[in-house]
Amino acid sequence: MNSASAPRPRQLALWLVLLAAAGTFALTMGTRQTMGLFLSPLNTSTGLGLASISLAFAFGQLWWGLTQPFAGAMADKVGAGRVLFTGALLVAIGTVITPLMTTTAGLVFAIGVLSAGGAGMAGPAVLMAATTRLIAPERRGLATGIVNAGGSFGQFVMAPVAAALMVGMGWANAMQILGLLVLLCLPAAFLLKGNSLHSAPAGHTVVGTREAVLTALRNPSYLMLAAGFFVCGFHVAFLATHLPGVIAACGLPAQWAGWSLAMIGLFNIVGSVAMGWAVGRWRMKSLLSLVYAARGVAVIVFLLAPKTGPVVLLFAAVMGLTFLSTVPPTAGLVAKFFGPANMATLFGVVMLTHQIGGFLGAWLGGKVFEATGAYDWVWYVDIMLAVGAALVHLPIREARPRMAAAAPASGPATP
């Protein structure tokens, strides 16, 4: 009887971990991914111009990435719970004060520093590492897929909610309500507490952060993985920031923009969970190549198709399937290369390259539109980058490097 009931606490703990991590990602990512809906109202309210507003959004993409390695290193040392708690507070504060900003510098501070920095601290580097540390190895692929799907679910729910609030209460009140909703994820910090010392097997040492990063940067497969993730950042930031503008340029009513962002979020749930299942059955580098190739084909078809509402929603659905489905295999390869002990730091470095691409995707979208009155040239760059990313993953070696096999230690584990 006791043996039959023993698995229940472990199973309960598994779902609590997944709920905490996925819920945190849902609230932080859901809030960030709805910001594209506020681009036009911010421009109208401040009169700063689309390029200046895009700069604030683009800086947010870059700063979100810059915080990832440092947030990961902090989580590896002092524990994920404290980092997540601080990050959620910063997202809420930055989002609430954004409507009060009237200058480019103010928007960069609120959107780009506070909100984006907080979301980076409560973002995938820390969440994926915490989940990997707390979940059994045989379940990590599906678990990271579920956590990743949490961000998509947040986008699916919060995009139409934000659009409805903007209609009923005005854009400023809508943005501030979204900021307050982020505070709901604060209790998750207590469930996800712990640091890298807990992920080291008994009798094994934990490689120091500096040594882990230097070893990773000498690994060609890690560098190719980061290069592909740069392309992912360009793709998703351009869509998240400028898809409403693309739809408006097609002459479609504004509600199609909210539903398109929601479709990306909805189908990203399917793509993320499916990818989490797939990483345990196929080579992760091959799955990544397939995802990037699919994006390139989808953009080509969209450019050639008539720009009707159903076509836009179908395009959003296809892009949603690939939107963040790159995260489980990318995180899986980092863990496979180096183990879970320094994963928050090393995945954070990869996330930094993702967000450098995100900065360019968000910023160039605004610059190209102002210069040409259309987004065509950004789409052309998008296609070329997709082809390059599909090819760069093929030479990756999935064999685990020597560093990952930690040497036995005679004393207790040390950071």
Protein backbone atom coordinates (compact mmCIF):
# COMPACT_ATOMS: atom_id res chain seq x y z
CA MET A 1 0.00 0.00 0.00
CA ASN A 2 2.81 2.37 0.91
CA SER A 3 4.71 1.53 -2.27
CA ALA A 4 1.61 2.16 -4.37
CA SER A 5 1.06 5.62 -2.90
CA ALA A 6 4.74 6.65 -2.96
CA PRO A 7 4.74 8.11 -6.49
CA ARG A 8 1.94 10.58 -5.70
CA PRO A 9 4.08 13.19 -3.90
CA ARG A 10 6.71 13.05 -6.64
CA GLN A 11 4.02 13.38 -9.32
CA LEU A 12 2.43 16.27 -7.42
CA ALA A 13 5.83 17.96 -7.13
CA LEU A 14 6.39 17.53 -10.87
CA TRP A 15 3.16 19.31 -11.77
CA LEU A 16 3.75 22.04 -9.19
CA VAL A 17 7.15 22.75 -10.71
CA LEU A 18 5.70 22.83 -14.22
CA LEU A 19 2.78 25.02 -13.14
CA ALA A 20 5.08 27.48 -11.37
CA ALA A 21 7.56 27.73 -14.24
CA ALA A 22 4.99 27.74 -17.05
CA GLY A 23 2.76 30.21 -15.18
CA THR A 24 5.65 32.62 -14.63
CA PHE A 25 6.61 32.43 -18.30
CA ALA A 26 2.96 32.89 -19.30
CA LEU A 27 2.63 36.15 -17.40
CA THR A 28 6.02 37.67 -18.29
CA MET A 29 6.08 36.56 -21.93
CA GLY A 30 2.37 37.21 -22.42
CA THR A 31 2.81 40.80 -21.26
CA ARG A 32 5.90 41.40 -23.40
CA GLN A 33 4.41 39.85 -26.53
CA THR A 34 1.35 42.12 -26.41
CA MET A 35 3.48 45.28 -26.47
CA GLY A 36 3.26 45.47 -30.26
CA LEU A 37 -0.41 46.39 -29.85
CA PHE A 38 0.66 49.54 -27.99
CA LEU A 39 3.21 50.74 -30.55
CA SER A 40 0.76 52.88 -32.53
CA PRO A 41 -1.00 54.42 -29.47
CA LEU A 42 2.39 55.23 -27.94
CA ASN A 43 3.43 56.92 -31.16
CA THR A 44 0.19 58.91 -31.31
CA SER A 45 0.39 59.91 -27.65
CA THR A 46 4.05 60.94 -27.56
CA GLY A 47 4.53 62.09 -31.17
CA LEU A 48 8.06 60.67 -31.08
CA GLY A 49 7.86 58.82 -34.39
CA LEU A 50 7.79 55.15 -35.23
CA ALA A 51 11.58 54.84 -35.35
CA SER A 52 11.99 56.24 -31.81
CA ILE A 53 9.26 53.99 -30.41
CA SER A 54 10.80 51.00 -32.21
CA LEU A 55 14.16 51.89 -30.67
CA ALA A 56 12.68 51.50 -27.18
CA PHE A 57 11.19 48.13 -28.12
CA ALA A 58 14.42 47.07 -29.81
CA PHE A 59 16.50 48.06 -26.79
CA GLY A 60 14.14 45.96 -24.71
CA GLN A 61 14.90 42.97 -26.91
CA LEU A 62 18.63 43.53 -26.46
CA TRP A 63 18.47 44.20 -22.73
CA TRP A 64 16.29 41.11 -22.17
CA GLY A 65 19.09 39.11 -23.73
CA LEU A 66 21.88 40.92 -21.88
CA THR A 67 20.29 40.11 -18.53
CA GLN A 68 20.02 36.38 -19.29
CA PRO A 69 23.65 35.30 -18.65
CA PHE A 70 23.90 37.42 -15.51
CA ALA A 71 20.49 36.33 -14.24
CA GLY A 72 21.51 32.74 -14.97
CA ALA A 73 24.79 33.14 -13.09
CA MET A 74 22.94 34.69 -10.13
CA ALA A 75 20.43 31.84 -10.14
CA ASP A 76 23.24 29.28 -10.29
CA LYS A 77 24.80 30.88 -7.21
CA VAL A 78 22.11 32.41 -4.98
CA GLY A 79 19.06 30.49 -6.18
CA ALA A 80 16.40 30.84 -8.84
CA GLY A 81 13.67 31.94 -6.44
CA ARG A 82 15.23 35.27 -5.51
CA VAL A 83 16.04 36.09 -9.13
CA LEU A 84 12.51 35.27 -10.31
CA PHE A 85 10.89 37.31 -7.53
CA THR A 86 12.97 40.40 -8.34
CA GLY A 87 12.36 39.97 -12.07
CA ALA A 88 8.58 39.82 -11.71
CA LEU A 89 8.56 43.01 -9.64
CA LEU A 90 10.61 44.86 -12.25
CA VAL A 91 8.31 43.75 -15.09
CA ALA A 92 5.28 45.04 -13.18
CA ILE A 93 6.88 48.39 -12.32
CA GLY A 94 8.19 48.99 -15.85
CA THR A 95 4.87 48.16 -17.49
CA VAL A 96 2.84 50.31 -15.09
CA ILE A 97 4.96 53.44 -15.57
CA THR A 98 5.32 53.16 -19.38
CA PRO A 99 2.19 55.27 -20.13
CA LEU A 100 3.71 58.06 -18.02
CA MET A 101 6.80 58.34 -20.23
CA THR A 102 6.82 61.10 -22.86
CA THR A 103 10.41 60.95 -24.16
CA THR A 104 12.46 58.34 -25.99
CA ALA A 105 14.79 58.03 -22.99
CA GLY A 106 11.80 57.50 -20.69
CA LEU A 107 10.39 54.77 -22.92
CA VAL A 108 13.80 53.09 -23.17
CA PHE A 109 14.02 53.12 -19.37
CA ALA A 110 10.50 51.79 -18.73
CA ILE A 111 10.19 49.31 -21.61
CA GLY A 112 13.81 48.56 -22.36
CA VAL A 113 15.43 48.52 -18.92
CA LEU A 114 12.82 47.77 -16.25
CA SER A 115 10.27 45.61 -18.07
CA ALA A 116 12.70 43.82 -20.36
CA GLY A 117 15.34 43.40 -17.67
CA GLY A 118 12.80 41.99 -15.25
CA ALA A 119 11.45 39.65 -17.89
CA GLY A 120 15.02 38.51 -18.54
CA MET A 121 15.49 37.70 -14.86
CA ALA A 122 12.19 35.80 -14.86
CA GLY A 123 12.81 34.43 -18.34
CA PRO A 124 13.69 31.16 -20.03
CA ALA A 125 17.35 30.90 -18.93
CA VAL A 126 16.41 30.79 -15.25
CA LEU A 127 13.10 28.95 -15.75
CA MET A 128 14.52 26.23 -18.01
CA ALA A 129 17.48 25.69 -15.70
CA ALA A 130 15.25 25.49 -12.62
CA THR A 131 12.97 23.01 -14.38
CA THR A 132 15.92 20.92 -15.60
CA ARG A 133 17.33 20.83 -12.08
CA LEU A 134 14.05 19.77 -10.47
CA ILE A 135 12.82 17.27 -13.10
CA ALA A 136 14.13 13.76 -13.72
CA PRO A 137 16.36 13.50 -16.84
CA GLU A 138 13.96 11.25 -18.75
CA ARG A 139 11.19 13.88 -18.44
CA ARG A 140 13.20 17.03 -19.15
CA GLY A 141 12.39 17.24 -22.86
CA LEU A 142 8.64 17.23 -22.38
CA ALA A 143 8.92 19.39 -19.25
CA THR A 144 10.84 22.16 -21.04
CA GLY A 145 8.29 21.96 -23.86
CA ILE A 146 5.46 22.49 -21.37
CA VAL A 147 7.25 25.42 -19.72
CA ASN A 148 7.91 26.95 -23.11
CA ALA A 149 4.25 26.47 -24.01
CA GLY A 150 3.39 28.52 -20.93
CA GLY A 151 4.80 31.61 -22.61
CA SER A 152 2.71 30.87 -25.67
CA PHE A 153 -0.42 30.35 -23.61
CA GLY A 154 0.20 33.72 -21.97
CA GLN A 155 0.40 35.36 -25.37
CA PHE A 156 -2.74 33.57 -26.56
CA VAL A 157 -4.72 34.75 -23.54
CA MET A 158 -3.27 38.21 -22.98
CA ALA A 159 -3.23 39.52 -26.56
CA PRO A 160 -7.03 39.55 -27.01
CA VAL A 161 -7.45 40.63 -23.37
CA ALA A 162 -5.12 43.57 -23.99
CA ALA A 163 -6.97 44.46 -27.20
CA ALA A 164 -10.32 44.36 -25.38
CA LEU A 165 -9.00 46.47 -22.50
CA MET A 166 -7.66 49.03 -24.95
CA VAL A 167 -11.11 49.38 -26.50
CA GLY A 168 -12.96 49.51 -23.19
CA MET A 169 -10.53 51.43 -20.94
CA GLY A 170 -7.95 53.10 -23.18
CA TRP A 171 -4.44 51.96 -23.99
CA ALA A 172 -2.79 53.46 -20.89
CA ASN A 173 -5.11 51.76 -18.38
CA ALA A 174 -4.87 48.52 -20.35
CA MET A 175 -1.07 48.51 -20.14
CA GLN A 176 -1.09 49.22 -16.41
CA ILE A 177 -3.55 46.39 -15.75
CA LEU A 178 -1.27 44.01 -17.64
CA GLY A 179 1.61 45.13 -15.42
CA LEU A 180 -0.33 44.37 -12.25
CA LEU A 181 -1.29 40.92 -13.55
CA VAL A 182 2.40 39.97 -13.66
CA LEU A 183 2.45 40.07 -9.85
CA LEU A 184 0.40 36.87 -9.83
CA CYS A 185 3.56 34.89 -10.56
CA LEU A 186 5.38 35.95 -7.38
CA PRO A 187 4.45 32.78 -5.40
CA ALA A 188 6.18 30.67 -8.06
CA ALA A 189 9.53 31.99 -6.83
CA PHE A 190 9.16 29.99 -3.62
CA LEU A 191 8.51 26.74 -5.51
CA LEU A 192 11.46 27.16 -7.87
CA LYS A 193 14.09 28.12 -5.29
CA GLY A 194 17.46 26.40 -5.30
CA ASN A 195 20.79 26.73 -7.12
CA SER A 196 23.30 24.74 -9.13
CA LEU A 197 24.68 22.92 -6.09
CA HIS A 198 21.45 20.91 -6.01
CA SER A 199 21.93 19.67 -9.57
CA ALA A 200 25.34 18.11 -9.05
CA PRO A 201 25.35 14.36 -8.39
CA ALA A 202 26.74 13.29 -5.03
CA GLY A 203 30.54 13.21 -5.08
CA HIS A 204 30.86 15.38 -8.19
CA THR A 205 32.17 18.91 -8.47
CA VAL A 206 30.37 21.79 -10.12
CA VAL A 207 32.48 23.55 -12.74
CA GLY A 208 32.87 27.26 -11.99
CA THR A 209 30.90 29.80 -14.01
CA ARG A 210 33.94 31.37 -15.68
CA GLU A 211 35.41 28.01 -16.66
CA ALA A 212 32.04 26.81 -17.95
CA VAL A 213 31.57 29.88 -20.17
CA LEU A 214 35.13 29.78 -21.54
CA THR A 215 34.81 26.07 -22.33
CA ALA A 216 31.46 26.65 -24.05
CA LEU A 217 32.83 29.49 -26.18
CA ARG A 218 35.55 27.14 -27.47
CA ASN A 219 32.96 24.57 -28.54
CA PRO A 220 32.07 24.96 -32.26
CA SER A 221 28.72 23.23 -31.82
CA TYR A 222 27.75 25.66 -29.06
CA LEU A 223 28.72 28.62 -31.26
CA MET A 224 26.68 27.28 -34.20
CA LEU A 225 23.72 26.76 -31.87
CA ALA A 226 24.03 30.37 -30.73
CA ALA A 227 24.21 31.57 -34.34
CA GLY A 228 20.95 29.81 -35.15
CA PHE A 229 19.30 31.28 -32.07
CA PHE A 230 20.34 34.75 -33.26
CA VAL A 231 18.14 34.16 -36.31
CA CYS A 232 15.28 32.98 -34.11
CA GLY A 233 15.47 36.24 -32.18
CA PHE A 234 15.30 38.30 -35.38
CA HIS A 235 12.23 36.38 -36.54
CA VAL A 236 10.18 36.47 -33.35
CA ALA A 237 11.00 40.08 -32.39
CA PHE A 238 10.07 41.37 -35.83
CA LEU A 239 6.75 39.52 -35.71
CA ALA A 240 5.96 40.42 -32.10
CA THR A 241 6.71 44.12 -32.66
CA HIS A 242 5.60 44.73 -36.24
CA LEU A 243 2.98 42.13 -37.15
CA PRO A 244 0.20 44.57 -36.14
CA GLY A 245 1.82 47.12 -38.45
CA VAL A 246 2.11 44.58 -41.25
CA ILE A 247 -1.59 43.80 -40.92
CA ALA A 248 -2.50 47.50 -40.87
CA ALA A 249 -0.40 48.02 -44.02
CA CYS A 250 -2.49 45.28 -45.66
CA GLY A 251 -5.60 47.45 -45.06
CA LEU A 252 -7.18 45.06 -42.57
CA PRO A 253 -9.14 46.15 -39.44
CA ALA A 254 -7.22 46.38 -36.15
CA GLN A 255 -8.90 43.34 -34.56
CA TRP A 256 -7.04 41.06 -36.97
CA ALA A 257 -3.80 42.15 -35.30
CA GLY A 258 -4.93 41.04 -31.84
CA TRP A 259 -6.22 37.73 -33.13
CA SER A 260 -3.07 37.14 -35.16
CA LEU A 261 -0.90 37.55 -32.07
CA ALA A 262 -3.29 35.24 -30.24
CA MET A 263 -3.01 32.65 -33.02
CA ILE A 264 0.77 32.74 -32.74
CA GLY A 265 0.44 32.08 -29.02
CA LEU A 266 -2.15 29.33 -29.42
CA PHE A 267 -0.26 27.37 -32.05
CA ASN A 268 3.01 27.93 -30.24
CA ILE A 269 1.53 25.88 -27.41
CA VAL A 270 1.06 23.01 -29.85
CA GLY A 271 4.51 23.52 -31.37
CA SER A 272 6.27 23.76 -28.00
CA VAL A 273 4.68 20.65 -26.50
CA ALA A 274 5.17 18.69 -29.73
CA MET A 275 8.81 19.73 -29.84
CA GLY A 276 9.28 18.77 -26.20
CA TRP A 277 7.99 15.31 -27.10
CA ALA A 278 10.12 15.14 -30.26
CA VAL A 279 13.47 15.99 -28.66
CA GLY A 280 13.48 12.65 -26.91
CA ARG A 281 13.00 10.78 -30.19
CA TRP A 282 14.95 12.61 -32.91
CA ARG A 283 18.21 14.50 -33.15
CA MET A 284 17.71 17.99 -31.82
CA LYS A 285 19.90 19.67 -34.43
CA SER A 286 17.77 18.12 -37.20
CA LEU A 287 14.59 19.36 -35.55
CA LEU A 288 16.03 22.88 -35.38
CA SER A 289 16.99 22.82 -39.07
CA LEU A 290 13.46 21.74 -39.93
CA VAL A 291 11.91 24.55 -37.89
CA TYR A 292 13.99 27.28 -39.54
CA ALA A 293 13.38 25.89 -43.02
CA ALA A 294 9.64 25.85 -42.33
CA ARG A 295 9.75 29.51 -41.31
CA GLY A 296 11.43 30.50 -44.56
CA VAL A 297 8.86 28.63 -46.64
CA ALA A 298 5.98 30.16 -44.65
CA VAL A 299 7.23 33.71 -45.25
CA ILE A 300 7.63 33.09 -48.99
CA VAL A 301 4.08 31.75 -49.25
CA PHE A 302 2.73 34.69 -47.22
CA LEU A 303 4.41 37.22 -49.49
CA LEU A 304 2.91 35.59 -52.58
CA ALA A 305 -0.59 35.07 -51.13
CA PRO A 306 -3.45 37.63 -51.14
CA LYS A 307 -3.52 39.59 -47.89
CA THR A 308 -6.94 38.67 -46.49
CA GLY A 309 -7.93 38.13 -42.87
CA PRO A 310 -8.00 34.31 -43.10
CA VAL A 311 -4.62 34.29 -44.86
CA VAL A 312 -3.13 36.43 -42.09
CA LEU A 313 -4.52 34.10 -39.41
CA LEU A 314 -3.24 31.03 -41.26
CA PHE A 315 0.21 32.59 -41.55
CA ALA A 316 0.15 33.45 -37.84
CA ALA A 317 -0.82 29.86 -37.03
CA VAL A 318 2.06 28.42 -39.07
CA MET A 319 4.55 30.84 -37.57
CA GLY A 320 3.15 30.03 -34.15
CA LEU A 321 4.02 26.36 -34.61
CA THR A 322 7.66 27.37 -35.07
CA PHE A 323 7.70 30.56 -32.97
CA LEU A 324 9.32 29.32 -29.75
CA SER A 325 9.52 25.63 -30.57
CA THR A 326 13.26 26.27 -31.00
CA VAL A 327 13.65 26.65 -27.23
CA PRO A 328 13.28 22.99 -26.06
CA PRO A 329 15.88 21.56 -28.50
CA THR A 330 18.21 24.53 -27.95
CA ALA A 331 17.98 24.16 -24.17
CA GLY A 332 18.25 20.40 -24.59
CA LEU A 333 21.48 20.68 -26.55
CA VAL A 334 22.99 23.03 -23.97
CA ALA A 335 22.12 20.56 -21.20
CA LYS A 336 23.41 17.67 -23.31
CA PHE A 337 26.69 19.45 -24.00
CA PHE A 338 27.46 20.64 -20.48
CA GLY A 339 25.01 19.15 -17.96
CA PRO A 340 22.50 21.01 -15.76
CA ALA A 341 24.81 22.59 -13.17
CA ASN A 342 25.71 25.75 -15.15
CA MET A 343 22.81 25.57 -17.56
CA ALA A 344 21.21 28.85 -16.46
CA THR A 345 24.42 30.70 -17.29
CA LEU A 346 25.20 28.89 -20.55
CA PHE A 347 21.65 29.00 -21.86
CA GLY A 348 21.62 32.65 -20.84
CA VAL A 349 24.60 33.31 -23.13
CA VAL A 350 22.72 31.66 -26.00
CA MET A 351 19.67 33.77 -25.14
CA LEU A 352 21.87 36.86 -25.42
CA THR A 353 22.61 36.05 -29.07
CA HIS A 354 18.86 35.46 -29.55
CA GLN A 355 18.12 38.94 -28.29
CA ILE A 356 20.83 40.62 -30.32
CA GLY A 357 18.91 39.24 -33.28
CA GLY A 358 15.73 40.44 -31.61
CA PHE A 359 17.11 43.98 -31.32
CA LEU A 360 17.83 44.04 -35.05
CA GLY A 361 14.45 42.53 -35.95
CA ALA A 362 12.48 45.07 -33.91
CA TRP A 363 14.61 48.11 -34.80
CA LEU A 364 15.12 47.41 -38.50
CA GLY A 365 11.39 46.78 -38.91
CA GLY A 366 10.66 50.36 -37.92
CA LYS A 367 13.60 51.85 -39.85
CA VAL A 368 12.79 49.99 -43.08
CA PHE A 369 9.10 50.93 -42.91
CA GLU A 370 9.90 54.60 -42.35
CA ALA A 371 12.36 54.56 -45.27
CA THR A 372 10.29 52.59 -47.80
CA GLY A 373 6.71 52.63 -46.54
CA ALA A 374 6.63 48.82 -46.52
CA TYR A 375 8.13 45.83 -44.74
CA ASP A 376 9.17 43.92 -47.88
CA TRP A 377 12.93 44.20 -47.41
CA VAL A 378 12.69 42.92 -43.83
CA TRP A 379 10.82 39.88 -45.12
CA TYR A 380 13.58 39.25 -47.67
CA VAL A 381 16.22 39.36 -44.93
CA ASP A 382 13.98 37.11 -42.85
CA ILE A 383 13.99 34.46 -45.59
CA MET A 384 17.76 34.56 -46.08
CA LEU A 385 18.36 34.23 -42.35
CA ALA A 386 15.98 31.26 -42.15
CA VAL A 387 17.94 29.45 -44.86
CA GLY A 388 21.21 30.20 -43.09
CA ALA A 389 19.89 28.96 -39.75
CA ALA A 390 18.58 25.75 -41.31
CA LEU A 391 22.07 25.06 -42.69
CA VAL A 392 24.18 26.10 -39.70
CA HIS A 393 22.67 23.46 -37.40
CA LEU A 394 23.59 20.53 -39.64
CA PRO A 395 27.30 20.34 -38.64
CA ILE A 396 26.50 20.43 -34.89
CA ARG A 397 27.86 17.43 -32.99
CA GLU A 398 25.56 16.22 -30.26
CA ALA A 399 28.24 14.19 -28.51
CA ARG A 400 28.75 15.38 -24.96
CA PRO A 401 32.05 17.27 -24.45
CA ARG A 402 34.60 16.15 -21.90
CA MET A 403 33.75 19.00 -19.52
CA ALA A 404 30.23 17.68 -18.95
CA ALA A 405 31.50 14.49 -17.38
CA ALA A 406 32.32 16.08 -14.06
CA ALA A 407 35.24 14.54 -12.22
CA PRO A 408 34.63 12.81 -8.86
CA ALA A 409 35.51 14.91 -5.87
CA SER A 410 36.68 13.72 -2.49
CA GLY A 411 34.92 16.53 -0.66
CA PRO A 412 31.49 18.18 -0.90
CA ALA A 413 30.29 19.89 -4.07
CA THR A 414 31.49 23.46 -4.51
CA PRO A 415 30.35 26.24 -6.82
